[in-house]
Amino acid sequence: MASALLAMAAAGILLPITAAAAAQTDAQRRVIATRFAADVIERYIAGEQFQSPVTADDLGYPESTYKHIKAAIDTEEVPVGKEGAGKLILLTVEVSDNNRPMITLKTLIGSGRL
């Protein structure tokens, strides 16, 4: 009886610790995915050409941290002003880690990038 009570008490202590560790790991992966997406956006704006999906090798990342991360890039022209006289580009970067969606970043950039 005592060992059963001890096992339940240990499980009650260990389960929250395990859940907290999993949440911390997920948060770290999201931070890495956000950095990856921000780097893709910066390089795209700077004029680099990418084939979607973008991988860590495409960005020259040697670290294994980014090994399973991929980013899909989508662009869409957005008319601006009266009667769509000007145009901006809506750049969408969707990052996944081991094919699990992690984060989506969107930004508007000037159409001179085309």
PDB file of N, CA and C in Angstrom:
ATOM      1  N   MET A   1       0.823  -1.187   0.000  1.00  0.00           N
ATOM      2  CA  MET A   1       0.000   0.000   0.000  1.00  0.00           C
ATOM      3  C   MET A   1       0.872   1.258   0.000  1.00  0.00           C
ATOM      4  N   ALA A   2       1.928   1.214   0.798  1.00  0.00           N
ATOM      5  CA  ALA A   2       2.817   2.367   0.893  1.00  0.00           C
ATOM      6  C   ALA A   2       3.527   2.620  -0.434  1.00  0.00           C
ATOM      7  N   SER A   3       3.925   1.561  -1.103  1.00  0.00           N
ATOM      8  CA  SER A   3       4.619   1.740  -2.383  1.00  0.00           C
ATOM      9  C   SER A   3       3.658   2.284  -3.449  1.00  0.00           C
ATOM     10  N   ALA A   4       2.396   1.904  -3.388  1.00  0.00           N
ATOM     11  CA  ALA A   4       1.410   2.438  -4.326  1.00  0.00           C
ATOM     12  C   ALA A   4       1.205   3.926  -4.086  1.00  0.00           C
ATOM     13  N   LEU A   5       1.136   4.334  -2.825  1.00  0.00           N
ATOM     14  CA  LEU A   5       1.006   5.762  -2.497  1.00  0.00           C
ATOM     15  C   LEU A   5       2.243   6.542  -2.924  1.00  0.00           C
ATOM     16  N   LEU A   6       3.411   5.953  -2.733  1.00  0.00           N
ATOM     17  CA  LEU A   6       4.658   6.598  -3.147  1.00  0.00           C
ATOM     18  C   LEU A   6       4.708   6.748  -4.666  1.00  0.00           C
ATOM     19  N   ALA A   7       4.260   5.737  -5.400  1.00  0.00           N
ATOM     20  CA  ALA A   7       4.239   5.805  -6.866  1.00  0.00           C
ATOM     21  C   ALA A   7       3.289   6.888  -7.351  1.00  0.00           C
ATOM     22  N   MET A   8       2.120   7.011  -6.726  1.00  0.00           N
ATOM     23  CA  MET A   8       1.173   8.063  -7.121  1.00  0.00           C
ATOM     24  C   MET A   8       1.726   9.451  -6.803  1.00  0.00           C
ATOM     25  N   ALA A   9       2.387   9.584  -5.672  1.00  0.00           N
ATOM     26  CA  ALA A   9       2.974  10.885  -5.309  1.00  0.00           C
ATOM     27  C   ALA A   9       4.089  11.255  -6.294  1.00  0.00           C
ATOM     28  N   ALA A  10       4.916  10.272  -6.644  1.00  0.00           N
ATOM     29  CA  ALA A  10       6.006  10.526  -7.596  1.00  0.00           C
ATOM     30  C   ALA A  10       5.446  10.911  -8.961  1.00  0.00           C
ATOM     31  N   ALA A  11       4.389  10.229  -9.389  1.00  0.00           N
ATOM     32  CA  ALA A  11       3.773  10.561 -10.675  1.00  0.00           C
ATOM     33  C   ALA A  11       3.179  11.967 -10.635  1.00  0.00           C
ATOM     34  N   GLY A  12       2.596  12.330  -9.517  1.00  0.00           N
ATOM     35  CA  GLY A  12       2.024  13.672  -9.372  1.00  0.00           C
ATOM     36  C   GLY A  12       3.073  14.758  -9.428  1.00  0.00           C
ATOM     37  N   ILE A  13       4.287  14.445  -9.024  1.00  0.00           N
ATOM     38  CA  ILE A  13       5.386  15.423  -9.066  1.00  0.00           C
ATOM     39  C   ILE A  13       6.036  15.436 -10.446  1.00  0.00           C
ATOM     40  N   LEU A  14       6.229  14.275 -11.040  1.00  0.00           N
ATOM     41  CA  LEU A  14       6.955  14.173 -12.304  1.00  0.00           C
ATOM     42  C   LEU A  14       6.152  14.624 -13.518  1.00  0.00           C
ATOM     43  N   LEU A  15       4.855  14.427 -13.528  1.00  0.00           N
ATOM     44  CA  LEU A  15       4.049  14.806 -14.686  1.00  0.00           C
ATOM     45  C   LEU A  15       4.116  16.305 -14.988  1.00  0.00           C
ATOM     46  N   PRO A  16       3.966  17.187 -14.014  1.00  0.00           N
ATOM     47  CA  PRO A  16       4.092  18.611 -14.327  1.00  0.00           C
ATOM     48  C   PRO A  16       5.496  19.002 -14.794  1.00  0.00           C
ATOM     49  N   ILE A  17       6.510  18.351 -14.244  1.00  0.00           N
ATOM     50  CA  ILE A  17       7.887  18.642 -14.665  1.00  0.00           C
ATOM     51  C   ILE A  17       8.085  18.224 -16.113  1.00  0.00           C
ATOM     52  N   THR A  18       7.573  17.066 -16.484  1.00  0.00           N
ATOM     53  CA  THR A  18       7.673  16.589 -17.864  1.00  0.00           C
ATOM     54  C   THR A  18       6.914  17.513 -18.817  1.00  0.00           C
ATOM     55  N   ALA A  19       5.731  17.941 -18.415  1.00  0.00           N
ATOM     56  CA  ALA A  19       4.945  18.847 -19.255  1.00  0.00           C
ATOM     57  C   ALA A  19       5.652  20.185 -19.413  1.00  0.00           C
ATOM     58  N   ALA A  20       6.262  20.687 -18.363  1.00  0.00           N
ATOM     59  CA  ALA A  20       6.987  21.957 -18.446  1.00  0.00           C
ATOM     60  C   ALA A  20       8.195  21.838 -19.364  1.00  0.00           C
ATOM     61  N   ALA A  21       8.898  20.727 -19.296  1.00  0.00           N
ATOM     62  CA  ALA A  21      10.052  20.514 -20.173  1.00  0.00           C
ATOM     63  C   ALA A  21       9.617  20.455 -21.639  1.00  0.00           C
ATOM     64  N   ALA A  22       8.504  19.792 -21.913  1.00  0.00           N
ATOM     65  CA  ALA A  22       7.999  19.719 -23.286  1.00  0.00           C
ATOM     66  C   ALA A  22       7.581  21.098 -23.784  1.00  0.00           C
ATOM     67  N   ALA A  23       6.954  21.884 -22.932  1.00  0.00           N
ATOM     68  CA  ALA A  23       6.550  23.240 -23.323  1.00  0.00           C
ATOM     69  C   ALA A  23       7.760  24.119 -23.585  1.00  0.00           C
ATOM     70  N   GLN A  24       8.808  23.965 -22.782  1.00  0.00           N
ATOM     71  CA  GLN A  24      10.021  24.748 -22.991  1.00  0.00           C
ATOM     72  C   GLN A  24      10.698  24.368 -24.305  1.00  0.00           C
ATOM     73  N   THR A  25      10.741  23.086 -24.606  1.00  0.00           N
ATOM     74  CA  THR A  25      11.338  22.627 -25.862  1.00  0.00           C
ATOM     75  C   THR A  25      10.556  23.178 -27.057  1.00  0.00           C
ATOM     76  N   ASP A  26       9.241  23.137 -26.978  1.00  0.00           N
ATOM     77  CA  ASP A  26       8.409  23.675 -28.057  1.00  0.00           C
ATOM     78  C   ASP A  26       8.637  25.174 -28.225  1.00  0.00           C
ATOM     79  N   ALA A  27       8.751  25.895 -27.136  1.00  0.00           N
ATOM     80  CA  ALA A  27       8.999  27.339 -27.209  1.00  0.00           C
ATOM     81  C   ALA A  27      10.351  27.627 -27.855  1.00  0.00           C
ATOM     82  N   GLN A  28      11.356  26.837 -27.519  1.00  0.00           N
ATOM     83  CA  GLN A  28      12.672  27.014 -28.131  1.00  0.00           C
ATOM     84  C   GLN A  28      12.618  26.751 -29.635  1.00  0.00           C
ATOM     85  N   ARG A  29      11.889  25.733 -30.048  1.00  0.00           N
ATOM     86  CA  ARG A  29      11.770  25.432 -31.476  1.00  0.00           C
ATOM     87  C   ARG A  29      11.056  26.572 -32.213  1.00  0.00           C
ATOM     88  N   ARG A  30      10.064  27.189 -31.569  1.00  0.00           N
ATOM     89  CA  ARG A  30       9.356  28.318 -32.187  1.00  0.00           C
ATOM     90  C   ARG A  30      10.265  29.539 -32.322  1.00  0.00           C
ATOM     91  N   VAL A  31      11.123  29.769 -31.353  1.00  0.00           N
ATOM     92  CA  VAL A  31      12.084  30.878 -31.440  1.00  0.00           C
ATOM     93  C   VAL A  31      13.038  30.636 -32.606  1.00  0.00           C
ATOM     94  N   ILE A  32      13.530  29.422 -32.731  1.00  0.00           N
ATOM     95  CA  ILE A  32      14.433  29.076 -33.836  1.00  0.00           C
ATOM     96  C   ILE A  32      13.716  29.243 -35.167  1.00  0.00           C
ATOM     97  N   ALA A  33      12.464  28.796 -35.256  1.00  0.00           N
ATOM     98  CA  ALA A  33      11.685  28.931 -36.491  1.00  0.00           C
ATOM     99  C   ALA A  33      11.453  30.406 -36.829  1.00  0.00           C
ATOM    100  N   THR A  34      11.210  31.235 -35.818  1.00  0.00           N
ATOM    101  CA  THR A  34      11.001  32.667 -36.047  1.00  0.00           C
ATOM    102  C   THR A  34      12.269  33.316 -36.575  1.00  0.00           C
ATOM    103  N   ARG A  35      13.403  32.965 -36.003  1.00  0.00           N
ATOM    104  CA  ARG A  35      14.689  33.499 -36.490  1.00  0.00           C
ATOM    105  C   ARG A  35      14.937  33.072 -37.936  1.00  0.00           C
ATOM    106  N   PHE A  36      14.624  31.826 -38.220  1.00  0.00           N
ATOM    107  CA  PHE A  36      14.814  31.300 -39.575  1.00  0.00           C
ATOM    108  C   PHE A  36      13.944  32.076 -40.559  1.00  0.00           C
ATOM    109  N   ALA A  37      12.668  32.268 -40.222  1.00  0.00           N
ATOM    110  CA  ALA A  37      11.751  33.007 -41.099  1.00  0.00           C
ATOM    111  C   ALA A  37      12.208  34.451 -41.282  1.00  0.00           C
ATOM    112  N   ALA A  38      12.649  35.098 -40.220  1.00  0.00           N
ATOM    113  CA  ALA A  38      13.118  36.484 -40.312  1.00  0.00           C
ATOM    114  C   ALA A  38      14.348  36.582 -41.217  1.00  0.00           C
ATOM    115  N   ASP A  39      15.228  35.588 -41.140  1.00  0.00           N
ATOM    116  CA  ASP A  39      16.411  35.589 -42.001  1.00  0.00           C
ATOM    117  C   ASP A  39      16.017  35.398 -43.457  1.00  0.00           C
ATOM    118  N   VAL A  40      15.060  34.520 -43.721  1.00  0.00           N
ATOM    119  CA  VAL A  40      14.581  34.327 -45.102  1.00  0.00           C
ATOM    120  C   VAL A  40      14.006  35.637 -45.638  1.00  0.00           C
ATOM    121  N   ILE A  41      13.207  36.332 -44.836  1.00  0.00           N
ATOM    122  CA  ILE A  41      12.611  37.599 -45.262  1.00  0.00           C
ATOM    123  C   ILE A  41      13.692  38.632 -45.551  1.00  0.00           C
ATOM    124  N   GLU A  42      14.660  38.769 -44.653  1.00  0.00           N
ATOM    125  CA  GLU A  42      15.731  39.751 -44.857  1.00  0.00           C
ATOM    126  C   GLU A  42      16.510  39.464 -46.127  1.00  0.00           C
ATOM    127  N   ARG A  43      16.831  38.212 -46.349  1.00  0.00           N
ATOM    128  CA  ARG A  43      17.601  37.856 -47.542  1.00  0.00           C
ATOM    129  C   ARG A  43      16.774  38.022 -48.811  1.00  0.00           C
ATOM    130  N   TYR A  44      15.491  37.747 -48.740  1.00  0.00           N
ATOM    131  CA  TYR A  44      14.618  37.941 -49.898  1.00  0.00           C
ATOM    132  C   TYR A  44      14.569  39.426 -50.264  1.00  0.00           C
ATOM    133  N   ILE A  45      14.396  40.269 -49.261  1.00  0.00           N
ATOM    134  CA  ILE A  45      14.354  41.708 -49.498  1.00  0.00           C
ATOM    135  C   ILE A  45      15.685  42.196 -50.064  1.00  0.00           C
ATOM    136  N   ALA A  46      16.783  41.589 -49.609  1.00  0.00           N
ATOM    137  CA  ALA A  46      18.111  41.976 -50.093  1.00  0.00           C
ATOM    138  C   ALA A  46      18.376  41.508 -51.519  1.00  0.00           C
ATOM    139  N   GLY A  47      17.488  40.669 -52.056  1.00  0.00           N
ATOM    140  CA  GLY A  47      17.624  40.280 -53.453  1.00  0.00           C
ATOM    141  C   GLY A  47      18.002  38.842 -53.711  1.00  0.00           C
ATOM    142  N   GLU A  48      18.144  38.028 -52.677  1.00  0.00           N
ATOM    143  CA  GLU A  48      18.471  36.616 -52.910  1.00  0.00           C
ATOM    144  C   GLU A  48      17.279  35.894 -53.520  1.00  0.00           C
ATOM    145  N   GLN A  49      17.582  34.966 -54.402  1.00  0.00           N
ATOM    146  CA  GLN A  49      16.557  34.150 -55.043  1.00  0.00           C
ATOM    147  C   GLN A  49      16.510  32.801 -54.346  1.00  0.00           C
ATOM    148  N   PHE A  50      15.319  32.359 -53.972  1.00  0.00           N
ATOM    149  CA  PHE A  50      15.151  31.085 -53.295  1.00  0.00           C
ATOM    150  C   PHE A  50      14.180  30.206 -54.069  1.00  0.00           C
ATOM    151  N   GLN A  51      14.446  28.912 -54.027  1.00  0.00           N
ATOM    152  CA  GLN A  51      13.492  27.918 -54.483  1.00  0.00           C
ATOM    153  C   GLN A  51      12.755  27.445 -53.238  1.00  0.00           C
ATOM    154  N   SER A  52      11.434  27.452 -53.275  1.00  0.00           N
ATOM    155  CA  SER A  52      10.661  27.016 -52.129  1.00  0.00           C
ATOM    156  C   SER A  52      10.562  25.498 -52.148  1.00  0.00           C
ATOM    157  N   PRO A  53      10.762  24.797 -51.054  1.00  0.00           N
ATOM    158  CA  PRO A  53      11.029  25.277 -49.712  1.00  0.00           C
ATOM    159  C   PRO A  53      12.501  25.622 -49.497  1.00  0.00           C
ATOM    160  N   VAL A  54      12.741  26.578 -48.613  1.00  0.00           N
ATOM    161  CA  VAL A  54      14.083  26.997 -48.252  1.00  0.00           C
ATOM    162  C   VAL A  54      14.550  26.133 -47.088  1.00  0.00           C
ATOM    163  N   THR A  55      15.775  25.626 -47.192  1.00  0.00           N
ATOM    164  CA  THR A  55      16.337  24.793 -46.129  1.00  0.00           C
ATOM    165  C   THR A  55      17.512  25.501 -45.470  1.00  0.00           C
ATOM    166  N   ALA A  56      18.027  24.919 -44.402  1.00  0.00           N
ATOM    167  CA  ALA A  56      19.181  25.483 -43.712  1.00  0.00           C
ATOM    168  C   ALA A  56      20.389  25.540 -44.642  1.00  0.00           C
ATOM    169  N   ASP A  57      20.535  24.567 -45.519  1.00  0.00           N
ATOM    170  CA  ASP A  57      21.648  24.570 -46.475  1.00  0.00           C
ATOM    171  C   ASP A  57      21.549  25.761 -47.422  1.00  0.00           C
ATOM    172  N   ASP A  58      20.327  26.133 -47.818  1.00  0.00           N
ATOM    173  CA  ASP A  58      20.143  27.271 -48.718  1.00  0.00           C
ATOM    174  C   ASP A  58      20.627  28.575 -48.078  1.00  0.00           C
ATOM    175  N   LEU A  59      20.526  28.656 -46.765  1.00  0.00           N
ATOM    176  CA  LEU A  59      20.944  29.858 -46.044  1.00  0.00           C
ATOM    177  C   LEU A  59      22.375  29.758 -45.540  1.00  0.00           C
ATOM    178  N   GLY A  60      22.998  28.601 -45.740  1.00  0.00           N
ATOM    179  CA  GLY A  60      24.375  28.409 -45.297  1.00  0.00           C
ATOM    180  C   GLY A  60      24.503  28.176 -43.803  1.00  0.00           C
ATOM    181  N   TYR A  61      23.477  27.631 -43.176  1.00  0.00           N
ATOM    182  CA  TYR A  61      23.521  27.333 -41.744  1.00  0.00           C
ATOM    183  C   TYR A  61      24.175  25.964 -41.542  1.00  0.00           C
ATOM    184  N   PRO A  62      25.333  25.901 -40.920  1.00  0.00           N
ATOM    185  CA  PRO A  62      25.960  24.603 -40.692  1.00  0.00           C
ATOM    186  C   PRO A  62      25.445  23.892 -39.446  1.00  0.00           C
ATOM    187  N   GLU A  63      24.770  24.625 -38.550  1.00  0.00           N
ATOM    188  CA  GLU A  63      24.351  24.039 -37.284  1.00  0.00           C
ATOM    189  C   GLU A  63      23.260  22.991 -37.480  1.00  0.00           C
ATOM    190  N   SER A  64      23.317  21.978 -36.662  1.00  0.00           N
ATOM    191  CA  SER A  64      22.287  20.939 -36.714  1.00  0.00           C
ATOM    192  C   SER A  64      20.961  21.432 -36.146  1.00  0.00           C
ATOM    193  N   THR A  65      20.987  22.582 -35.461  1.00  0.00           N
ATOM    194  CA  THR A  65      19.764  23.147 -34.882  1.00  0.00           C
ATOM    195  C   THR A  65      18.715  23.382 -35.959  1.00  0.00           C
ATOM    196  N   TYR A  66      19.143  23.769 -37.146  1.00  0.00           N
ATOM    197  CA  TYR A  66      18.227  24.117 -38.230  1.00  0.00           C
ATOM    198  C   TYR A  66      18.048  22.972 -39.229  1.00  0.00           C
ATOM    199  N   LYS A  67      18.578  21.817 -38.936  1.00  0.00           N
ATOM    200  CA  LYS A  67      18.624  20.701 -39.883  1.00  0.00           C
ATOM    201  C   LYS A  67      17.259  20.312 -40.446  1.00  0.00           C
ATOM    202  N   HIS A  68      16.234  20.273 -39.618  1.00  0.00           N
ATOM    203  CA  HIS A  68      14.919  19.788 -40.052  1.00  0.00           C
ATOM    204  C   HIS A  68      13.939  20.911 -40.360  1.00  0.00           C
ATOM    205  N   ILE A  69      14.438  22.143 -40.402  1.00  0.00           N
ATOM    206  CA  ILE A  69      13.552  23.287 -40.624  1.00  0.00           C
ATOM    207  C   ILE A  69      13.485  23.606 -42.111  1.00  0.00           C
ATOM    208  N   LYS A  70      12.272  23.879 -42.577  1.00  0.00           N
ATOM    209  CA  LYS A  70      12.048  24.291 -43.962  1.00  0.00           C
ATOM    210  C   LYS A  70      11.076  25.458 -43.965  1.00  0.00           C
ATOM    211  N   ALA A  71      11.235  26.337 -44.937  1.00  0.00           N
ATOM    212  CA  ALA A  71      10.347  27.496 -45.051  1.00  0.00           C
ATOM    213  C   ALA A  71       9.759  27.538 -46.457  1.00  0.00           C
ATOM    214  N   ALA A  72       8.455  27.659 -46.521  1.00  0.00           N
ATOM    215  CA  ALA A  72       7.760  27.841 -47.796  1.00  0.00           C
ATOM    216  C   ALA A  72       7.546  29.341 -47.987  1.00  0.00           C
ATOM    217  N   ILE A  73       7.836  29.823 -49.188  1.00  0.00           N
ATOM    218  CA  ILE A  73       7.701  31.251 -49.495  1.00  0.00           C
ATOM    219  C   ILE A  73       6.565  31.438 -50.481  1.00  0.00           C
ATOM    220  N   ASP A  74       5.738  32.448 -50.215  1.00  0.00           N
ATOM    221  CA  ASP A  74       4.658  32.793 -51.124  1.00  0.00           C
ATOM    222  C   ASP A  74       4.635  34.308 -51.275  1.00  0.00           C
ATOM    223  N   THR A  75       4.450  34.770 -52.495  1.00  0.00           N
ATOM    224  CA  THR A  75       4.349  36.210 -52.744  1.00  0.00           C
ATOM    225  C   THR A  75       3.028  36.511 -53.443  1.00  0.00           C
ATOM    226  N   GLU A  76       2.497  37.688 -53.124  1.00  0.00           N
ATOM    227  CA  GLU A  76       1.240  38.117 -53.720  1.00  0.00           C
ATOM    228  C   GLU A  76       1.292  39.630 -53.904  1.00  0.00           C
ATOM    229  N   GLU A  77       0.964  40.092 -55.086  1.00  0.00           N
ATOM    230  CA  GLU A  77       0.921  41.538 -55.324  1.00  0.00           C
ATOM    231  C   GLU A  77      -0.329  42.123 -54.688  1.00  0.00           C
ATOM    232  N   VAL A  78      -0.141  43.265 -54.024  1.00  0.00           N
ATOM    233  CA  VAL A  78      -1.240  43.944 -53.348  1.00  0.00           C
ATOM    234  C   VAL A  78      -1.356  45.347 -53.932  1.00  0.00           C
ATOM    235  N   PRO A  79      -2.503  45.676 -54.556  1.00  0.00           N
ATOM    236  CA  PRO A  79      -2.668  47.026 -55.101  1.00  0.00           C
ATOM    237  C   PRO A  79      -2.779  48.047 -53.969  1.00  0.00           C
ATOM    238  N   VAL A  80      -2.209  49.230 -54.216  1.00  0.00           N
ATOM    239  CA  VAL A  80      -2.207  50.295 -53.213  1.00  0.00           C
ATOM    240  C   VAL A  80      -2.624  51.599 -53.879  1.00  0.00           C
ATOM    241  N   GLY A  81      -3.346  52.409 -53.156  1.00  0.00           N
ATOM    242  CA  GLY A  81      -3.735  53.720 -53.670  1.00  0.00           C
ATOM    243  C   GLY A  81      -4.989  53.654 -54.508  1.00  0.00           C
ATOM    244  N   LYS A  82      -5.310  54.816 -55.075  1.00  0.00           N
ATOM    245  CA  LYS A  82      -6.516  54.905 -55.900  1.00  0.00           C
ATOM    246  C   LYS A  82      -6.374  54.019 -57.131  1.00  0.00           C
ATOM    247  N   GLU A  83      -7.370  53.189 -57.310  1.00  0.00           N
ATOM    248  CA  GLU A  83      -7.462  52.308 -58.464  1.00  0.00           C
ATOM    249  C   GLU A  83      -6.238  51.411 -58.613  1.00  0.00           C
ATOM    250  N   GLY A  84      -5.583  51.098 -57.499  1.00  0.00           N
ATOM    251  CA  GLY A  84      -4.443  50.180 -57.536  1.00  0.00           C
ATOM    252  C   GLY A  84      -3.264  50.695 -58.304  1.00  0.00           C
ATOM    253  N   ALA A  85      -3.033  52.017 -58.269  1.00  0.00           N
ATOM    254  CA  ALA A  85      -1.945  52.621 -59.034  1.00  0.00           C
ATOM    255  C   ALA A  85      -0.583  52.102 -58.592  1.00  0.00           C
ATOM    256  N   GLY A  86      -0.396  51.891 -57.299  1.00  0.00           N
ATOM    257  CA  GLY A  86       0.865  51.356 -56.800  1.00  0.00           C
ATOM    258  C   GLY A  86       0.711  49.896 -56.411  1.00  0.00           C
ATOM    259  N   LYS A  87       1.811  49.247 -56.173  1.00  0.00           N
ATOM    260  CA  LYS A  87       1.759  47.842 -55.772  1.00  0.00           C
ATOM    261  C   LYS A  87       2.787  47.570 -54.687  1.00  0.00           C
ATOM    262  N   LEU A  88       2.392  46.730 -53.772  1.00  0.00           N
ATOM    263  CA  LEU A  88       3.291  46.175 -52.771  1.00  0.00           C
ATOM    264  C   LEU A  88       3.261  44.663 -52.926  1.00  0.00           C
ATOM    265  N   ILE A  89       4.217  44.009 -52.306  1.00  0.00           N
ATOM    266  CA  ILE A  89       4.252  42.550 -52.326  1.00  0.00           C
ATOM    267  C   ILE A  89       4.017  42.055 -50.907  1.00  0.00           C
ATOM    268  N   LEU A  90       3.044  41.178 -50.756  1.00  0.00           N
ATOM    269  CA  LEU A  90       2.830  40.511 -49.481  1.00  0.00           C
ATOM    270  C   LEU A  90       3.668  39.240 -49.507  1.00  0.00           C
ATOM    271  N   LEU A  91       4.703  39.214 -48.679  1.00  0.00           N
ATOM    272  CA  LEU A  91       5.598  38.067 -48.597  1.00  0.00           C
ATOM    273  C   LEU A  91       5.196  37.230 -47.391  1.00  0.00           C
ATOM    274  N   THR A  92       4.889  35.972 -47.622  1.00  0.00           N
ATOM    275  CA  THR A  92       4.493  35.054 -46.553  1.00  0.00           C
ATOM    276  C   THR A  92       5.539  33.950 -46.459  1.00  0.00           C
ATOM    277  N   VAL A  93       6.053  33.744 -45.251  1.00  0.00           N
ATOM    278  CA  VAL A  93       7.021  32.688 -45.000  1.00  0.00           C
ATOM    279  C   VAL A  93       6.436  31.766 -43.933  1.00  0.00           C
ATOM    280  N   GLU A  94       6.200  30.511 -44.314  1.00  0.00           N
ATOM    281  CA  GLU A  94       5.662  29.513 -43.385  1.00  0.00           C
ATOM    282  C   GLU A  94       6.765  28.513 -43.065  1.00  0.00           C
ATOM    283  N   VAL A  95       7.110  28.426 -41.783  1.00  0.00           N
ATOM    284  CA  VAL A  95       8.211  27.569 -41.353  1.00  0.00           C
ATOM    285  C   VAL A  95       7.658  26.323 -40.672  1.00  0.00           C
ATOM    286  N   SER A  96       8.240  25.186 -41.046  1.00  0.00           N
ATOM    287  CA  SER A  96       7.870  23.926 -40.402  1.00  0.00           C
ATOM    288  C   SER A  96       9.136  23.237 -39.904  1.00  0.00           C
ATOM    289  N   ASP A  97       8.964  22.447 -38.868  1.00  0.00           N
ATOM    290  CA  ASP A  97      10.058  21.683 -38.288  1.00  0.00           C
ATOM    291  C   ASP A  97       9.635  20.222 -38.318  1.00  0.00           C
ATOM    292  N   ASN A  98      10.365  19.413 -39.070  1.00  0.00           N
ATOM    293  CA  ASN A  98       9.979  18.007 -39.274  1.00  0.00           C
ATOM    294  C   ASN A  98       8.547  17.905 -39.793  1.00  0.00           C
ATOM    295  N   ASN A  99       8.213  18.763 -40.749  1.00  0.00           N
ATOM    296  CA  ASN A  99       6.893  18.823 -41.383  1.00  0.00           C
ATOM    297  C   ASN A  99       5.773  19.211 -40.417  1.00  0.00           C
ATOM    298  N   ARG A 100       6.106  19.754 -39.272  1.00  0.00           N
ATOM    299  CA  ARG A 100       5.122  20.243 -38.306  1.00  0.00           C
ATOM    300  C   ARG A 100       5.106  21.759 -38.375  1.00  0.00           C
ATOM    301  N   PRO A 101       3.987  22.371 -38.767  1.00  0.00           N
ATOM    302  CA  PRO A 101       3.937  23.836 -38.872  1.00  0.00           C
ATOM    303  C   PRO A 101       4.317  24.491 -37.553  1.00  0.00           C
ATOM    304  N   MET A 102       5.230  25.482 -37.652  1.00  0.00           N
ATOM    305  CA  MET A 102       5.704  26.150 -36.446  1.00  0.00           C
ATOM    306  C   MET A 102       5.268  27.612 -36.388  1.00  0.00           C
ATOM    307  N   ILE A 103       5.478  28.346 -37.487  1.00  0.00           N
ATOM    308  CA  ILE A 103       5.197  29.779 -37.458  1.00  0.00           C
ATOM    309  C   ILE A 103       4.999  30.291 -38.876  1.00  0.00           C
ATOM    310  N   THR A 104       4.197  31.338 -38.989  1.00  0.00           N
ATOM    311  CA  THR A 104       4.005  32.022 -40.265  1.00  0.00           C
ATOM    312  C   THR A 104       4.274  33.506 -40.046  1.00  0.00           C
ATOM    313  N   LEU A 105       5.182  34.057 -40.849  1.00  0.00           N
ATOM    314  CA  LEU A 105       5.460  35.495 -40.806  1.00  0.00           C
ATOM    315  C   LEU A 105       5.042  36.101 -42.134  1.00  0.00           C
ATOM    316  N   LYS A 106       4.425  37.271 -42.053  1.00  0.00           N
ATOM    317  CA  LYS A 106       4.019  38.002 -43.257  1.00  0.00           C
ATOM    318  C   LYS A 106       4.561  39.424 -43.167  1.00  0.00           C
ATOM    319  N   THR A 107       4.943  39.960 -44.310  1.00  0.00           N
ATOM    320  CA  THR A 107       5.408  41.340 -44.365  1.00  0.00           C
ATOM    321  C   THR A 107       5.105  41.928 -45.733  1.00  0.00           C
ATOM    322  N   LEU A 108       4.911  43.225 -45.773  1.00  0.00           N
ATOM    323  CA  LEU A 108       4.740  43.934 -47.039  1.00  0.00           C
ATOM    324  C   LEU A 108       6.059  44.557 -47.432  1.00  0.00           C
ATOM    325  N   ILE A 109       6.421  44.402 -48.691  1.00  0.00           N
ATOM    326  CA  ILE A 109       7.640  45.018 -49.197  1.00  0.00           C
ATOM    327  C   ILE A 109       7.351  45.759 -50.481  1.00  0.00           C
ATOM    328  N   GLY A 110       8.212  46.679 -50.832  1.00  0.00           N
ATOM    329  CA  GLY A 110       8.026  47.462 -52.046  1.00  0.00           C
ATOM    330  C   GLY A 110       8.096  46.616 -53.291  1.00  0.00           C
ATOM    331  N   SER A 111       7.347  46.972 -54.294  1.00  0.00           N
ATOM    332  CA  SER A 111       7.282  46.157 -55.515  1.00  0.00           C
ATOM    333  C   SER A 111       8.544  46.269 -56.344  1.00  0.00           C
ATOM    334  N   GLY A 112       9.457  47.150 -55.994  1.00  0.00           N
ATOM    335  CA  GLY A 112      10.734  47.243 -56.697  1.00  0.00           C
ATOM    336  C   GLY A 112      11.553  45.987 -56.557  1.00  0.00           C
ATOM    337  N   ARG A 113      11.197  45.132 -55.607  1.00  0.00           N
ATOM    338  CA  ARG A 113      11.917  43.870 -55.382  1.00  0.00           C
ATOM    339  C   ARG A 113      11.740  42.921 -56.553  1.00  0.00           C
ATOM    340  N   LEU A 114      10.597  43.009 -57.264  1.00  0.00           N
ATOM    341  CA  LEU A 114      10.358  42.129 -58.398  1.00  0.00           C
ATOM    342  C   LEU A 114      11.342  42.439 -59.465  1.00  0.00           C
TER     343      LEU A 114
END
